[in-house]
Amino acid sequence: MIDFLNKNLRKTLFVGLVMLSGKTFSQEPRISFTTATQANDFQSGIARVEINSKVGFIDKNGKQVVVPRYENAHDICEDLAAVEKNGKWGFINKAGKEIIALIYDEVLNFSQSMAAVRIGEKWGFIDKKGNLKIVPQYDEVLSFSEDLAFVKLYEKWGVIDKKNNYVAHPQFDKAESFSQGMACVAIENKYGFINKKGIKVIPLKYKSAKSFVEDRAAVKTDNKKWGFIDKNDKLFVINNFDEVDNFAEGLAVVRSKRKWGMIDKFGNEVIPIIYDFIEGSSENLMVVGVKNKYGIIDKNGKEITPVKYDNIWGFAEGTARVSIAGKYGFIDKSGKEIIPIIYEEAYNFSEGMARISIFGKTGFVNKKGKEIFLEPQPFNKGELSKLSK
């Protein structure tokens, strides 16, 4: 343990000395911003950054690809990013070219090559060339999913296709987007499911319900307990749980009284319901918690890491973010700490890079521990003295 802490100390001291010397791990010069910076995860090779209350994008070497000039922006999605300037929204491509004019009062990200846009109080949809495919006429909308979108008119939700034909006229009080050919809907707090033709294939009889995932949907019955049904409304998992999550990688998290475990699609208890906390399977591993400490187990319940961390977040790209005593680092799927636990902030890996912060300096780290800082501000002597203690 002492050797590991010494490695952490050497690592942190090295980071400080690198910044003092003006050197960087990056193969490209890092961007020369001198003000506080915020960054989002990488999507399609670029990340959203905010400098001086203006938003732009950088690549994985820290190089500006879109100069910060916008008031707001969404992460890139389907190769286009929504941006706002002077209170109006439009879309740019990865090179920063404005593809769709900034004329809208609000927009949602593209989904299935269609983006919801608002003009005044009404919503419609455009394509990737900026053509208005569905004239703004709805009070609210959800993005397209499986070629269908829910739209709200006069306080009721209906379903349209991409040609603005009604599949189901507005009639529902609540709705969720289509998933696996079915959509969860509710009228007067009774939940059921419709198919892509708008037909009620599972009666609206449940107290609550969640979308279909992996051919199962969670439903709450009159006894106020949760179970799971298939698409024929057959109760595959008996309604016996106080709380459940959707299936992920063949398993679902369930709670009975105050303890958590996991079941398979037939209701068999795979991970005993003994934990104070459990997170759904990600990359075939699960985070579990006991008395405010966290560890990792596999699908057989085998311990991968001891329950020793103050927090752990699920695996992404073969790594998991962990924290001890307010500092953050990363472990791999064997439980080995591959990025030292030294950062003040850290976020999960996305496209091989993870956002990190140390001594208020924001940047990214790759899986080999190489860092790119967005601000070339040197560590001061006080900060270095903290490292030497």
Protein backbone atom coordinates (compact mmCIF):
# COMPACT_ATOMS: atom_id res chain seq x y z
CA MET A 1 0.00 0.00 0.00
CA ILE A 2 2.84 2.39 0.85
CA ASP A 3 4.53 1.60 -2.46
CA PHE A 4 1.28 2.35 -4.30
CA LEU A 5 0.91 5.69 -2.52
CA ASN A 6 4.48 6.55 -3.38
CA LYS A 7 3.72 5.81 -7.02
CA ASN A 8 0.71 8.11 -6.80
CA LEU A 9 2.87 10.84 -5.28
CA ARG A 10 5.52 10.49 -7.98
CA LYS A 11 2.83 10.53 -10.65
CA THR A 12 1.19 13.70 -9.30
CA LEU A 13 4.52 15.45 -8.77
CA PHE A 14 5.48 14.59 -12.33
CA VAL A 15 2.24 16.12 -13.62
CA GLY A 16 3.03 19.34 -11.76
CA LEU A 17 6.62 19.47 -13.00
CA VAL A 18 5.53 18.82 -16.58
CA MET A 19 3.14 21.75 -16.44
CA LEU A 20 5.76 23.98 -14.88
CA SER A 21 8.17 23.16 -17.67
CA GLY A 22 5.55 23.84 -20.33
CA LYS A 23 5.74 20.27 -21.68
CA THR A 24 2.77 18.07 -22.38
CA PHE A 25 2.01 14.43 -23.00
CA SER A 26 0.19 15.36 -26.21
CA GLN A 27 1.79 14.98 -29.63
CA GLU A 28 0.14 18.28 -30.61
CA PRO A 29 0.50 21.65 -28.85
CA ARG A 30 -2.25 21.99 -26.29
CA ILE A 31 -4.68 24.84 -26.73
CA SER A 32 -3.69 28.11 -25.11
CA PHE A 33 -6.71 29.17 -23.12
CA THR A 34 -6.02 31.24 -20.02
CA THR A 35 -9.44 31.12 -18.38
CA ALA A 36 -11.46 28.49 -16.57
CA THR A 37 -12.46 25.64 -18.87
CA GLN A 38 -15.16 22.99 -18.79
CA ALA A 39 -15.30 19.99 -21.08
CA ASN A 40 -17.67 17.18 -22.05
CA ASP A 41 -16.92 13.63 -23.15
CA PHE A 42 -15.60 12.86 -26.62
CA GLN A 43 -18.23 11.98 -29.21
CA SER A 44 -17.27 11.16 -32.81
CA GLY A 45 -13.70 12.25 -32.09
CA ILE A 46 -14.43 15.74 -30.70
CA ALA A 47 -15.42 17.12 -27.30
CA ARG A 48 -17.47 20.14 -26.33
CA VAL A 49 -15.54 22.76 -24.29
CA GLU A 50 -16.61 25.99 -22.63
CA ILE A 51 -14.22 28.94 -22.28
CA ASN A 52 -15.23 32.41 -21.07
CA SER A 53 -18.89 31.36 -21.31
CA LYS A 54 -18.41 30.51 -24.99
CA VAL A 55 -18.64 27.00 -26.39
CA GLY A 56 -16.50 25.26 -29.00
CA PHE A 57 -15.00 21.83 -29.73
CA ILE A 58 -11.54 20.24 -29.52
CA ASP A 59 -10.01 17.05 -30.92
CA LYS A 60 -8.17 14.36 -28.93
CA ASN A 61 -4.89 16.29 -29.09
CA GLY A 62 -6.49 19.33 -27.46
CA LYS A 63 -6.53 21.22 -30.76
CA GLN A 64 -9.44 23.54 -31.51
CA VAL A 65 -11.64 22.27 -34.31
CA VAL A 66 -14.45 24.73 -33.58
CA VAL A 67 -13.40 28.05 -32.06
CA PRO A 68 -15.43 28.84 -28.91
CA ARG A 69 -17.98 31.34 -30.18
CA TYR A 70 -21.36 29.87 -29.28
CA GLU A 71 -23.52 30.53 -26.24
CA ASN A 72 -24.47 26.88 -25.90
CA ALA A 73 -24.11 23.59 -27.72
CA HIS A 74 -25.09 19.93 -27.50
CA ASP A 75 -22.65 17.06 -27.92
CA ILE A 76 -22.27 15.92 -31.53
CA CYS A 77 -24.82 13.33 -32.64
CA GLU A 78 -25.09 11.73 -36.07
CA ASP A 79 -22.16 13.92 -37.19
CA LEU A 80 -23.92 17.20 -36.38
CA ALA A 81 -23.92 19.33 -33.23
CA ALA A 82 -26.68 21.69 -32.17
CA VAL A 83 -25.34 25.19 -31.36
CA GLU A 84 -26.88 28.41 -30.04
CA LYS A 85 -25.92 32.00 -30.84
CA ASN A 86 -27.87 35.16 -30.08
CA GLY A 87 -30.67 33.02 -28.68
CA LYS A 88 -31.17 30.98 -31.87
CA TRP A 89 -30.26 27.36 -32.58
CA GLY A 90 -28.93 25.53 -35.62
CA PHE A 91 -26.40 22.79 -36.45
CA ILE A 92 -22.71 22.60 -37.36
CA ASN A 93 -20.60 19.72 -38.66
CA LYS A 94 -17.37 18.39 -37.11
CA ALA A 95 -15.33 20.99 -38.97
CA GLY A 96 -17.38 23.85 -37.51
CA LYS A 97 -19.29 24.69 -40.69
CA GLU A 98 -22.86 25.83 -40.08
CA ILE A 99 -24.88 23.27 -42.01
CA ILE A 100 -28.31 24.32 -40.74
CA ALA A 101 -28.99 28.00 -40.15
CA LEU A 102 -29.36 29.25 -36.57
CA ILE A 103 -33.02 30.22 -36.81
CA TYR A 104 -34.76 27.99 -34.27
CA ASP A 105 -35.86 28.78 -30.73
CA GLU A 106 -34.96 25.30 -29.49
CA VAL A 107 -33.79 22.00 -30.98
CA LEU A 108 -33.20 18.37 -30.01
CA ASN A 109 -30.34 16.23 -31.29
CA PHE A 110 -30.70 14.33 -34.54
CA SER A 111 -32.17 10.86 -34.22
CA GLN A 112 -32.73 8.67 -37.27
CA SER A 113 -31.72 11.63 -39.49
CA MET A 114 -34.48 13.83 -38.09
CA ALA A 115 -34.21 16.60 -35.50
CA ALA A 116 -37.04 18.18 -33.55
CA VAL A 117 -37.10 22.00 -33.80
CA ARG A 118 -39.22 24.63 -32.09
CA ILE A 119 -40.39 27.89 -33.64
CA GLY A 120 -42.33 30.00 -31.18
CA GLU A 121 -44.43 27.58 -29.13
CA LYS A 122 -44.70 24.78 -31.68
CA TRP A 123 -42.49 21.82 -32.56
CA GLY A 124 -41.76 20.15 -35.89
CA PHE A 125 -38.92 18.20 -37.55
CA ILE A 126 -36.12 18.91 -40.04
CA ASP A 127 -33.76 16.63 -42.00
CA LYS A 128 -29.96 16.90 -42.15
CA LYS A 129 -30.10 19.38 -45.02
CA GLY A 130 -32.24 21.71 -42.96
CA ASN A 131 -35.40 20.97 -44.92
CA LEU A 132 -38.54 21.35 -42.84
CA LYS A 133 -40.09 17.89 -43.13
CA ILE A 134 -42.83 18.36 -40.54
CA VAL A 135 -44.07 21.91 -40.05
CA PRO A 136 -44.04 23.04 -36.38
CA GLN A 137 -47.54 22.32 -35.10
CA TYR A 138 -47.14 20.25 -31.93
CA ASP A 139 -46.99 21.35 -28.29
CA GLU A 140 -44.27 18.79 -27.38
CA VAL A 141 -42.46 15.98 -29.18
CA LEU A 142 -40.14 13.07 -28.52
CA SER A 143 -37.32 12.22 -30.93
CA PHE A 144 -37.87 9.60 -33.62
CA SER A 145 -37.23 6.01 -32.58
CA GLU A 146 -37.89 3.03 -34.83
CA ASP A 147 -39.20 5.50 -37.47
CA LEU A 148 -41.96 6.78 -35.20
CA ALA A 149 -42.25 9.78 -32.87
CA PHE A 150 -44.63 10.69 -30.09
CA VAL A 151 -46.20 14.16 -30.42
CA LYS A 152 -48.35 16.08 -27.97
CA LEU A 153 -51.38 18.14 -28.89
CA TYR A 154 -54.04 19.49 -26.52
CA GLU A 155 -52.45 17.69 -23.55
CA LYS A 156 -52.55 14.24 -25.19
CA TRP A 157 -49.81 12.16 -26.84
CA GLY A 158 -50.12 10.48 -30.23
CA VAL A 159 -47.75 8.83 -32.71
CA ILE A 160 -46.67 10.00 -36.17
CA ASP A 161 -44.42 8.57 -38.90
CA LYS A 162 -41.79 10.53 -40.82
CA LYS A 163 -44.41 11.76 -43.30
CA ASN A 164 -46.48 13.20 -40.47
CA ASN A 165 -49.18 10.56 -40.78
CA TYR A 166 -50.89 9.60 -37.55
CA VAL A 167 -50.25 6.03 -36.43
CA ALA A 168 -52.14 6.71 -33.21
CA HIS A 169 -54.13 9.90 -32.73
CA PRO A 170 -53.45 11.94 -29.55
CA GLN A 171 -55.10 10.06 -26.69
CA PHE A 172 -52.43 9.10 -24.13
CA ASP A 173 -51.56 10.96 -20.93
CA LYS A 174 -48.00 9.57 -20.83
CA ALA A 175 -45.74 7.88 -23.34
CA GLU A 176 -42.21 6.57 -23.86
CA SER A 177 -40.42 6.18 -27.21
CA PHE A 178 -40.65 2.91 -29.10
CA SER A 179 -38.28 0.13 -28.06
CA GLN A 180 -38.24 -3.34 -29.62
CA GLY A 181 -41.40 -2.59 -31.59
CA MET A 182 -43.46 -1.59 -28.55
CA ALA A 183 -44.14 1.65 -26.71
CA CYS A 184 -45.24 2.12 -23.12
CA VAL A 185 -48.31 4.40 -22.80
CA ALA A 186 -50.69 5.40 -20.04
CA ILE A 187 -54.23 6.75 -19.68
CA GLU A 188 -55.45 7.84 -16.24
CA ASN A 189 -52.40 6.21 -14.61
CA LYS A 190 -53.03 2.81 -16.15
CA TYR A 191 -50.08 1.54 -18.18
CA GLY A 192 -49.86 -0.81 -21.14
CA PHE A 193 -48.22 -1.10 -24.57
CA ILE A 194 -48.99 -0.32 -28.20
CA ASN A 195 -47.30 -1.74 -31.28
CA LYS A 196 -45.99 0.22 -34.29
CA LYS A 197 -49.46 0.23 -35.84
CA GLY A 198 -50.82 2.05 -32.80
CA ILE A 199 -52.78 -0.99 -31.62
CA LYS A 200 -53.03 -1.68 -27.87
CA VAL A 201 -51.43 -5.12 -27.72
CA ILE A 202 -50.99 -5.19 -23.93
CA PRO A 203 -54.00 -3.76 -22.07
CA LEU A 204 -53.58 -0.59 -20.04
CA LYS A 205 -53.98 -2.33 -16.70
CA TYR A 206 -50.69 -1.88 -14.81
CA LYS A 207 -49.95 0.64 -12.06
CA SER A 208 -46.64 1.44 -13.75
CA ALA A 209 -44.43 0.04 -16.49
CA LYS A 210 -41.06 0.48 -18.22
CA SER A 211 -40.04 0.04 -21.85
CA PHE A 212 -39.16 -3.34 -23.34
CA VAL A 213 -35.46 -4.19 -23.14
CA GLU A 214 -34.10 -7.61 -24.07
CA ASP A 215 -37.67 -8.83 -24.70
CA ARG A 216 -38.81 -8.10 -21.16
CA ALA A 217 -40.72 -5.15 -19.68
CA ALA A 218 -40.96 -4.32 -15.99
CA VAL A 219 -44.53 -3.85 -14.75
CA LYS A 220 -46.04 -2.96 -11.40
CA THR A 221 -49.25 -4.80 -10.55
CA ASP A 222 -52.12 -4.08 -8.18
CA ASN A 223 -50.19 -5.54 -5.25
CA LYS A 224 -47.66 -2.68 -5.77
CA LYS A 225 -44.91 -5.16 -6.59
CA TRP A 226 -42.77 -5.34 -9.73
CA GLY A 227 -42.34 -8.25 -12.12
CA PHE A 228 -41.49 -8.74 -15.80
CA ILE A 229 -43.67 -9.62 -18.79
CA ASP A 230 -42.89 -10.75 -22.33
CA LYS A 231 -44.48 -9.28 -25.47
CA ASN A 232 -47.46 -11.62 -25.10
CA ASP A 233 -48.17 -10.19 -21.64
CA LYS A 234 -47.03 -13.41 -19.99
CA LEU A 235 -45.64 -12.80 -16.49
CA PHE A 236 -42.20 -14.41 -16.79
CA VAL A 237 -40.95 -13.04 -13.48
CA ILE A 238 -43.42 -13.08 -10.62
CA ASN A 239 -44.47 -9.69 -9.29
CA ASN A 240 -42.61 -9.93 -6.00
CA PHE A 241 -40.06 -7.09 -5.97
CA ASP A 242 -40.18 -3.63 -4.41
CA GLU A 243 -38.05 -2.09 -7.16
CA VAL A 244 -36.45 -3.26 -10.39
CA ASP A 245 -34.33 -1.98 -13.25
CA ASN A 246 -34.41 -2.97 -16.93
CA PHE A 247 -32.47 -6.00 -18.11
CA ALA A 248 -28.87 -5.48 -19.19
CA GLU A 249 -26.70 -8.28 -20.54
CA GLY A 250 -29.32 -10.84 -19.51
CA LEU A 251 -29.65 -9.73 -15.89
CA ALA A 252 -31.87 -7.28 -14.01
CA VAL A 253 -31.24 -5.52 -10.72
CA VAL A 254 -34.02 -6.10 -8.17
CA ARG A 255 -34.74 -4.93 -4.64
CA SER A 256 -36.59 -6.85 -1.97
CA LYS A 257 -37.14 -4.90 1.21
CA ARG A 258 -33.81 -3.10 1.70
CA LYS A 259 -31.48 -5.46 -0.13
CA TRP A 260 -30.45 -5.73 -3.76
CA GLY A 261 -29.49 -8.60 -6.04
CA MET A 262 -29.92 -9.74 -9.65
CA ILE A 263 -32.19 -12.15 -11.52
CA ASP A 264 -32.15 -13.73 -14.97
CA LYS A 265 -34.99 -13.46 -17.50
CA PHE A 266 -36.90 -16.30 -15.86
CA GLY A 267 -36.71 -14.85 -12.36
CA ASN A 268 -33.92 -17.08 -11.07
CA GLU A 269 -31.80 -15.38 -8.43
CA VAL A 270 -28.33 -15.18 -9.96
CA ILE A 271 -26.72 -12.70 -7.57
CA PRO A 272 -28.06 -13.11 -4.01
CA ILE A 273 -30.29 -10.32 -2.72
CA ILE A 274 -27.89 -9.40 0.07
CA TYR A 275 -26.27 -6.14 -1.01
CA ASP A 276 -26.95 -2.59 0.13
CA PHE A 277 -26.37 -1.47 -3.47
CA ILE A 278 -25.89 -3.06 -6.87
CA GLU A 279 -25.54 -1.55 -10.33
CA GLY A 280 -26.70 -3.24 -13.53
CA SER A 281 -24.29 -5.37 -15.51
CA SER A 282 -21.81 -3.48 -17.69
CA GLU A 283 -19.25 -5.46 -19.67
CA ASN A 284 -20.32 -8.53 -17.64
CA LEU A 285 -19.30 -7.00 -14.31
CA MET A 286 -21.33 -5.42 -11.52
CA VAL A 287 -20.68 -2.79 -8.87
CA VAL A 288 -21.87 -3.85 -5.41
CA GLY A 289 -22.01 -1.94 -2.16
CA VAL A 290 -21.92 -2.92 1.51
CA LYS A 291 -22.02 -0.34 4.28
CA ASN A 292 -21.07 2.56 1.98
CA LYS A 293 -18.07 0.77 0.47
CA TYR A 294 -18.00 -0.59 -3.07
CA GLY A 295 -16.38 -3.40 -5.03
CA ILE A 296 -16.77 -5.39 -8.27
CA ILE A 297 -18.18 -8.89 -8.83
CA ASP A 298 -18.75 -10.97 -11.97
CA LYS A 299 -21.96 -12.70 -13.07
CA ASN A 300 -21.13 -15.71 -10.91
CA GLY A 301 -20.81 -13.53 -7.82
CA LYS A 302 -17.03 -13.89 -7.78
CA GLU A 303 -15.20 -10.94 -6.21
CA ILE A 304 -13.04 -9.03 -8.70
CA THR A 305 -12.12 -6.22 -6.32
CA PRO A 306 -12.69 -6.08 -2.56
CA VAL A 307 -15.46 -3.86 -1.24
CA LYS A 308 -13.04 -1.05 -0.34
CA TYR A 309 -13.75 1.99 -2.55
CA ASP A 310 -15.80 5.01 -1.52
CA ASN A 311 -17.53 4.82 -4.91
CA ILE A 312 -17.33 2.99 -8.24
CA TRP A 313 -19.05 3.72 -11.53
CA GLY A 314 -19.91 0.99 -14.05
CA PHE A 315 -17.43 -0.21 -16.66
CA ALA A 316 -17.01 1.64 -19.94
CA GLU A 317 -14.42 0.69 -22.54
CA GLY A 318 -12.85 -1.82 -20.17
CA THR A 319 -12.33 0.62 -17.30
CA ALA A 320 -14.27 1.77 -14.25
CA ARG A 321 -13.93 5.04 -12.36
CA VAL A 322 -13.23 4.64 -8.63
CA SER A 323 -12.80 7.03 -5.72
CA ILE A 324 -11.08 6.99 -2.33
CA ALA A 325 -11.00 9.93 0.07
CA GLY A 326 -12.33 12.37 -2.51
CA LYS A 327 -9.80 11.43 -5.22
CA TYR A 328 -10.53 9.62 -8.47
CA GLY A 329 -8.73 7.09 -10.67
CA PHE A 330 -9.49 4.04 -12.83
CA ILE A 331 -9.33 0.25 -12.61
CA ASP A 332 -9.40 -2.34 -15.40
CA LYS A 333 -11.59 -5.45 -15.55
CA SER A 334 -9.12 -7.47 -13.50
CA GLY A 335 -9.37 -4.90 -10.70
CA LYS A 336 -5.91 -3.44 -11.33
CA GLU A 337 -5.60 0.30 -10.74
CA ILE A 338 -4.35 1.48 -14.13
CA ILE A 339 -4.80 5.23 -13.58
CA PRO A 340 -3.66 6.43 -10.11
CA ILE A 341 -6.31 7.74 -7.71
CA ILE A 342 -5.06 11.33 -7.69
CA TYR A 343 -7.65 13.43 -9.52
CA GLU A 344 -10.09 15.91 -8.00
CA GLU A 345 -12.66 15.02 -10.64
CA ALA A 346 -12.91 12.27 -13.25
CA TYR A 347 -15.51 10.88 -15.62
CA ASN A 348 -15.90 7.59 -17.47
CA PHE A 349 -13.89 6.87 -20.60
CA SER A 350 -15.45 7.78 -23.94
CA GLU A 351 -13.63 7.03 -27.18
CA GLY A 352 -10.41 6.28 -25.31
CA MET A 353 -10.31 9.51 -23.30
CA ALA A 354 -11.60 10.44 -19.84
CA ARG A 355 -12.18 13.94 -18.47
CA ILE A 356 -10.10 14.73 -15.40
CA SER A 357 -9.28 17.68 -13.16
CA ILE A 358 -6.38 18.26 -10.78
CA PHE A 359 -5.73 21.45 -8.78
CA GLY A 360 -8.57 23.05 -10.75
CA LYS A 361 -6.91 22.33 -14.13
CA THR A 362 -9.21 20.57 -16.59
CA GLY A 363 -8.06 18.04 -19.16
CA PHE A 364 -8.21 14.48 -20.43
CA VAL A 365 -6.28 11.29 -19.76
CA ASN A 366 -5.96 8.24 -22.00
CA LYS A 367 -5.74 4.62 -20.85
CA LYS A 368 -1.95 4.76 -20.68
CA GLY A 369 -2.12 7.65 -18.22
CA LYS A 370 -1.05 10.34 -20.71
CA GLU A 371 -2.73 13.67 -20.02
CA ILE A 372 -3.73 16.70 -22.06
CA PHE A 373 -4.53 19.82 -20.07
CA LEU A 374 -6.70 22.52 -21.61
CA GLU A 375 -5.03 25.35 -19.70
CA PRO A 376 -1.23 25.82 -19.50
CA GLN A 377 -1.45 27.39 -16.05
CA PRO A 378 1.55 26.33 -13.88
CA PHE A 379 1.13 24.75 -10.51
CA ASN A 380 2.11 27.19 -7.80
CA LYS A 381 4.54 26.49 -5.01
CA GLY A 382 1.73 25.89 -2.55
CA GLU A 383 0.32 23.14 -4.70
CA LEU A 384 3.70 21.51 -5.14
CA SER A 385 4.30 21.67 -1.38
CA LYS A 386 1.07 19.72 -0.90
CA LEU A 387 2.49 17.00 -3.12
CA SER A 388 5.72 16.79 -1.15
CA LYS A 389 4.01 16.17 2.16
